[in-house]
Amino acid sequence: MFSVAPGHVQAWGKEGHYSTCKIAEPLLSEKTVKAVNAILPKYAQNDLASLCSWPDQMRFRYHWANPLHFIDTPDGKCGYDYSRDCHNENGEKGMCLEGAINNYTSQLSTYGHKSHGNQHNLTEALLFLSHFMGDIHQPLHVGFSSDRGGNSIELHWYRRKSNLHHVWDVAILETSMKDFYNNDLEVLIQDVQKNITDLWSTDVSAWQECNTDDLACPKSYADESIILACKWAYKDAEQDSVLE
């Protein structure tokens, strides 16, 4: 219906999660928008994007949710397998990004039913799902185990010391805002939304469909992200290298 553990820092940044949710909002159906607005806390004033970073802000209180922000895959495999890769450090199955998206999608699908539970749980489910949908589309959140999704690959982004994961979470977006959008995030968002209605219009229907009967498509997103991580994120990204 609705569509950080030690060593794994928060996903994207506040601007990145705000952007992904803001870009997605116009793609929601009228029925879904009404449900989202009903589930959001009143102080959000019907602005889902304003709360899409909430799970990162809660990561120290909700330690159990830390593994849900990412998926670790075997080095160099460039492929994701749920039965092999979706677990926490204790081996508990389903405790990964794909498992989280499936879980919170299932919870939200009960909205409007007598069994849906209390408002607080559905609100948290909505915020977790919105956040994790951003996470799973950042390629290094489906990265290699040994470098923790690029967190341990220390390098320079231009002249600034950083690590590979942070570059993809924050630095690329910041640099794009500075170089092309006069540091105006709203203009960047509008540009992406324009491309969705123009250049990418034929792709939208594919984004909204699953290859399975599942309510959500996190397996497809995870498959795509690890391929992109291998093709682009890890390319030329070695210890002490310089990326531009």
Protein backbone atom coordinates (compact mmCIF):
# COMPACT_ATOMS: atom_id res chain seq x y z
CA MET A 1 0.00 0.00 0.00
CA PHE A 2 2.80 2.35 0.89
CA SER A 3 5.39 2.51 -1.11
CA VAL A 4 22.91 1.43 12.07
CA ALA A 5 24.80 -0.80 13.68
CA PRO A 6 28.37 -0.36 14.98
CA GLY A 7 30.36 0.35 11.86
CA HIS A 8 27.28 1.17 9.79
CA VAL A 9 26.59 4.89 10.07
CA GLN A 10 23.26 6.49 9.30
CA ALA A 11 21.92 6.31 5.76
CA TRP A 12 22.04 9.13 3.31
CA GLY A 13 21.87 12.25 5.44
CA LYS A 14 18.93 14.33 6.54
CA GLU A 15 18.83 16.04 3.14
CA GLY A 16 19.03 12.74 1.28
CA HIS A 17 16.13 11.16 3.13
CA TYR A 18 14.07 14.33 2.86
CA SER A 19 14.70 14.35 -0.88
CA THR A 20 13.81 10.72 -1.51
CA CYS A 21 10.52 11.07 0.36
CA LYS A 22 9.69 14.41 -1.25
CA ILE A 23 10.36 12.99 -4.71
CA ALA A 24 8.17 9.97 -3.99
CA GLU A 25 5.18 11.88 -2.59
CA PRO A 26 3.65 12.88 -5.97
CA LEU A 27 3.69 9.21 -7.01
CA LEU A 28 1.35 8.20 -4.18
CA SER A 29 -2.28 7.52 -4.99
CA GLU A 30 -4.97 9.76 -3.51
CA LYS A 31 -6.08 6.91 -1.25
CA THR A 32 -2.54 6.42 0.02
CA VAL A 33 -2.02 10.14 0.62
CA LYS A 34 -5.14 10.21 2.81
CA ALA A 35 -3.91 7.21 4.79
CA VAL A 36 -0.42 8.68 5.19
CA ASN A 37 -1.82 11.98 6.44
CA ALA A 38 -4.06 10.14 8.91
CA ILE A 39 -1.16 8.10 10.27
CA LEU A 40 1.36 10.93 10.54
CA PRO A 41 1.53 12.78 13.87
CA LYS A 42 -0.30 16.08 13.80
CA TYR A 43 2.89 18.11 14.24
CA ALA A 44 4.12 16.84 10.85
CA GLN A 45 1.36 18.87 9.19
CA ASN A 46 0.89 16.26 6.46
CA ASP A 47 4.56 16.47 5.45
CA LEU A 48 5.93 12.92 5.37
CA ALA A 49 9.34 14.04 4.10
CA SER A 50 9.94 16.11 7.22
CA LEU A 51 10.07 12.91 9.30
CA CYS A 52 11.89 10.55 6.95
CA SER A 53 15.10 10.84 8.98
CA TRP A 54 13.35 9.84 12.21
CA PRO A 55 14.76 6.25 12.31
CA ASP A 56 18.31 7.64 12.25
CA GLN A 57 17.48 9.96 15.13
CA MET A 58 16.19 6.98 17.10
CA ARG A 59 19.08 4.61 16.41
CA PHE A 60 20.50 4.87 19.93
CA ARG A 61 17.12 4.23 21.55
CA TYR A 62 16.06 1.45 19.18
CA HIS A 63 19.23 -0.63 19.09
CA TRP A 64 17.28 -3.63 17.83
CA ALA A 65 16.60 -1.76 14.59
CA ASN A 66 20.23 -1.06 13.73
CA PRO A 67 20.67 -4.09 11.41
CA LEU A 68 17.54 -3.10 9.50
CA HIS A 69 19.31 -0.20 7.79
CA PHE A 70 21.55 -2.35 5.58
CA ILE A 71 22.38 -5.69 4.00
CA ASP A 72 25.88 -7.18 4.10
CA THR A 73 26.82 -9.39 1.15
CA PRO A 74 29.92 -11.53 0.50
CA ASP A 75 32.88 -9.63 -0.91
CA GLY A 76 33.07 -9.61 -4.67
CA LYS A 77 29.94 -11.69 -5.24
CA CYS A 78 28.02 -8.68 -6.57
CA GLY A 79 24.78 -10.48 -5.80
CA TYR A 80 22.25 -10.69 -3.00
CA ASP A 81 20.62 -13.80 -1.58
CA TYR A 82 17.96 -13.44 1.12
CA SER A 83 18.58 -16.78 2.81
CA ARG A 84 22.32 -16.14 2.92
CA ASP A 85 22.50 -12.42 3.63
CA CYS A 86 19.37 -11.24 5.46
CA HIS A 87 20.22 -11.67 9.14
CA ASN A 88 21.73 -9.76 12.04
CA GLU A 89 25.07 -10.47 13.69
CA ASN A 90 23.40 -13.17 15.82
CA GLY A 91 22.11 -14.96 12.73
CA GLU A 92 18.47 -14.00 13.26
CA LYS A 93 16.76 -14.28 9.88
CA GLY A 94 14.84 -11.38 8.42
CA MET A 95 16.80 -8.77 10.38
CA CYS A 96 18.00 -6.77 7.41
CA LEU A 97 16.77 -4.07 5.06
CA GLU A 98 14.64 -6.36 2.90
CA GLY A 99 13.09 -8.03 5.93
CA ALA A 100 12.28 -4.64 7.45
CA ILE A 101 10.56 -3.34 4.32
CA ASN A 102 8.44 -6.47 4.04
CA ASN A 103 7.53 -6.30 7.73
CA TYR A 104 6.48 -2.65 7.81
CA THR A 105 4.66 -2.92 4.49
CA SER A 106 2.66 -5.80 5.96
CA GLN A 107 1.85 -3.78 9.08
CA LEU A 108 0.68 -0.79 7.05
CA SER A 109 -1.49 -2.97 4.83
CA THR A 110 -3.75 -3.48 7.87
CA TYR A 111 -4.62 0.22 8.00
CA GLY A 112 -8.37 0.63 8.18
CA HIS A 113 -8.89 -2.91 9.49
CA LYS A 114 -10.01 -3.63 13.04
CA SER A 115 -6.80 -5.58 13.61
CA HIS A 116 -4.47 -2.73 12.71
CA GLY A 117 -3.33 -2.10 16.27
CA ASN A 118 -2.71 1.28 17.85
CA GLN A 119 -1.90 4.53 16.10
CA HIS A 120 1.61 4.76 17.52
CA ASN A 121 2.68 1.47 15.94
CA LEU A 122 1.40 2.40 12.49
CA THR A 123 3.07 5.78 12.71
CA GLU A 124 6.40 4.16 13.48
CA ALA A 125 5.81 1.60 10.73
CA LEU A 126 5.23 4.40 8.21
CA LEU A 127 8.35 6.29 9.25
CA PHE A 128 10.51 3.17 9.24
CA LEU A 129 9.23 2.09 5.82
CA SER A 130 9.70 5.53 4.28
CA HIS A 131 13.24 5.69 5.63
CA PHE A 132 14.21 2.16 4.62
CA MET A 133 12.95 2.71 1.08
CA GLY A 134 15.56 5.44 0.86
CA ASP A 135 18.24 3.25 2.41
CA ILE A 136 17.77 0.37 0.00
CA HIS A 137 18.21 2.68 -2.99
CA GLN A 138 21.63 3.82 -1.75
CA PRO A 139 23.89 1.16 -3.35
CA LEU A 140 26.29 0.86 -0.43
CA HIS A 141 23.49 -0.12 1.93
CA VAL A 142 23.70 -3.41 0.08
CA GLY A 143 27.49 -3.54 0.13
CA PHE A 144 30.30 -5.88 1.11
CA SER A 145 30.66 -7.33 4.59
CA SER A 146 34.40 -6.76 5.05
CA ASP A 147 34.27 -2.99 4.51
CA ARG A 148 30.81 -2.56 6.10
CA GLY A 149 29.27 -1.04 3.01
CA GLY A 150 32.27 1.18 2.34
CA ASN A 151 32.52 2.58 5.87
CA SER A 152 36.05 1.28 6.40
CA ILE A 153 37.36 2.47 3.02
CA GLU A 154 39.00 5.75 3.98
CA LEU A 155 39.70 8.12 1.13
CA HIS A 156 39.34 11.71 -0.02
CA TRP A 157 36.36 13.25 -1.77
CA TYR A 158 38.18 15.97 -3.68
CA ARG A 159 40.32 17.44 -0.88
CA ARG A 160 38.13 16.40 2.01
CA LYS A 161 38.93 13.31 4.06
CA SER A 162 36.00 10.93 4.16
CA ASN A 163 35.02 7.31 3.66
CA LEU A 164 33.30 5.69 0.72
CA HIS A 165 29.98 5.19 2.48
CA HIS A 166 29.80 8.83 3.56
CA VAL A 167 30.61 9.96 0.03
CA TRP A 168 27.54 8.15 -1.27
CA ASP A 169 25.37 9.07 1.71
CA VAL A 170 26.13 12.76 1.83
CA ALA A 171 29.03 14.16 -0.20
CA ILE A 172 27.75 13.45 -3.72
CA LEU A 173 24.43 15.14 -2.93
CA GLU A 174 26.14 18.12 -1.30
CA THR A 175 28.50 18.56 -4.24
CA SER A 176 25.65 18.32 -6.76
CA MET A 177 23.66 20.92 -4.83
CA LYS A 178 26.64 23.26 -4.80
CA ASP A 179 27.71 22.80 -8.42
CA PHE A 180 24.34 22.67 -10.16
CA TYR A 181 21.62 24.01 -7.86
CA ASN A 182 23.14 26.94 -5.97
CA ASN A 183 22.84 24.93 -2.74
CA ASP A 184 19.05 24.88 -3.10
CA LEU A 185 17.71 21.43 -2.22
CA GLU A 186 14.18 22.26 -3.33
CA VAL A 187 15.40 23.12 -6.85
CA LEU A 188 17.27 19.81 -7.02
CA ILE A 189 14.12 17.95 -5.96
CA GLN A 190 12.03 19.78 -8.55
CA ASP A 191 14.57 18.89 -11.24
CA VAL A 192 14.39 15.19 -10.37
CA GLN A 193 10.59 15.32 -10.31
CA LYS A 194 10.62 16.95 -13.74
CA ASN A 195 12.80 14.15 -15.08
CA ILE A 196 10.32 11.62 -13.67
CA THR A 197 7.48 13.18 -15.65
CA ASP A 198 9.64 13.67 -18.77
CA LEU A 199 12.80 11.61 -19.31
CA TRP A 200 11.86 8.75 -16.98
CA SER A 201 8.10 8.72 -17.52
CA THR A 202 8.17 5.31 -19.20
CA ASP A 203 9.95 3.83 -16.18
CA VAL A 204 7.41 4.91 -13.56
CA SER A 205 5.02 2.01 -14.14
CA ALA A 206 7.89 -0.46 -13.69
CA TRP A 207 8.83 1.17 -10.38
CA GLN A 208 5.31 0.59 -9.09
CA GLU A 209 5.10 -3.09 -9.99
CA CYS A 210 6.59 -6.18 -8.38
CA ASN A 211 7.75 -9.28 -10.17
CA THR A 212 6.15 -11.30 -7.39
CA ASP A 213 2.86 -11.30 -5.50
CA ASP A 214 4.50 -9.51 -2.56
CA LEU A 215 3.16 -6.16 -1.39
CA ALA A 216 6.59 -4.57 -1.82
CA CYS A 217 9.62 -5.22 -4.03
CA PRO A 218 12.67 -4.96 -1.73
CA LYS A 219 14.35 -8.01 -3.26
CA SER A 220 14.40 -6.28 -6.65
CA TYR A 221 15.73 -3.08 -5.08
CA ALA A 222 18.46 -4.95 -3.20
CA ASP A 223 19.48 -6.83 -6.34
CA GLU A 224 19.74 -3.53 -8.21
CA SER A 225 21.71 -1.81 -5.45
CA ILE A 226 24.45 -4.42 -5.10
CA ILE A 227 24.91 -4.41 -8.88
CA LEU A 228 25.21 -0.61 -8.86
CA ALA A 229 27.56 -0.78 -5.88
CA CYS A 230 29.89 -3.09 -7.78
CA LYS A 231 29.63 -1.16 -11.05
CA TRP A 232 29.96 2.37 -9.68
CA ALA A 233 30.39 2.79 -5.91
CA TYR A 234 33.35 0.44 -5.48
CA LYS A 235 34.94 1.40 -8.80
CA ASP A 236 38.42 2.89 -8.20
CA ALA A 237 37.53 3.30 -4.51
CA GLU A 238 40.59 2.00 -2.69
CA GLN A 239 42.12 2.95 0.63
CA ASP A 240 43.67 6.44 0.48
CA SER A 241 42.38 7.06 -3.04
CA VAL A 242 40.95 10.37 -4.24
CA LEU A 243 37.47 10.48 -5.75
CA GLU A 244 36.04 13.38 -7.69
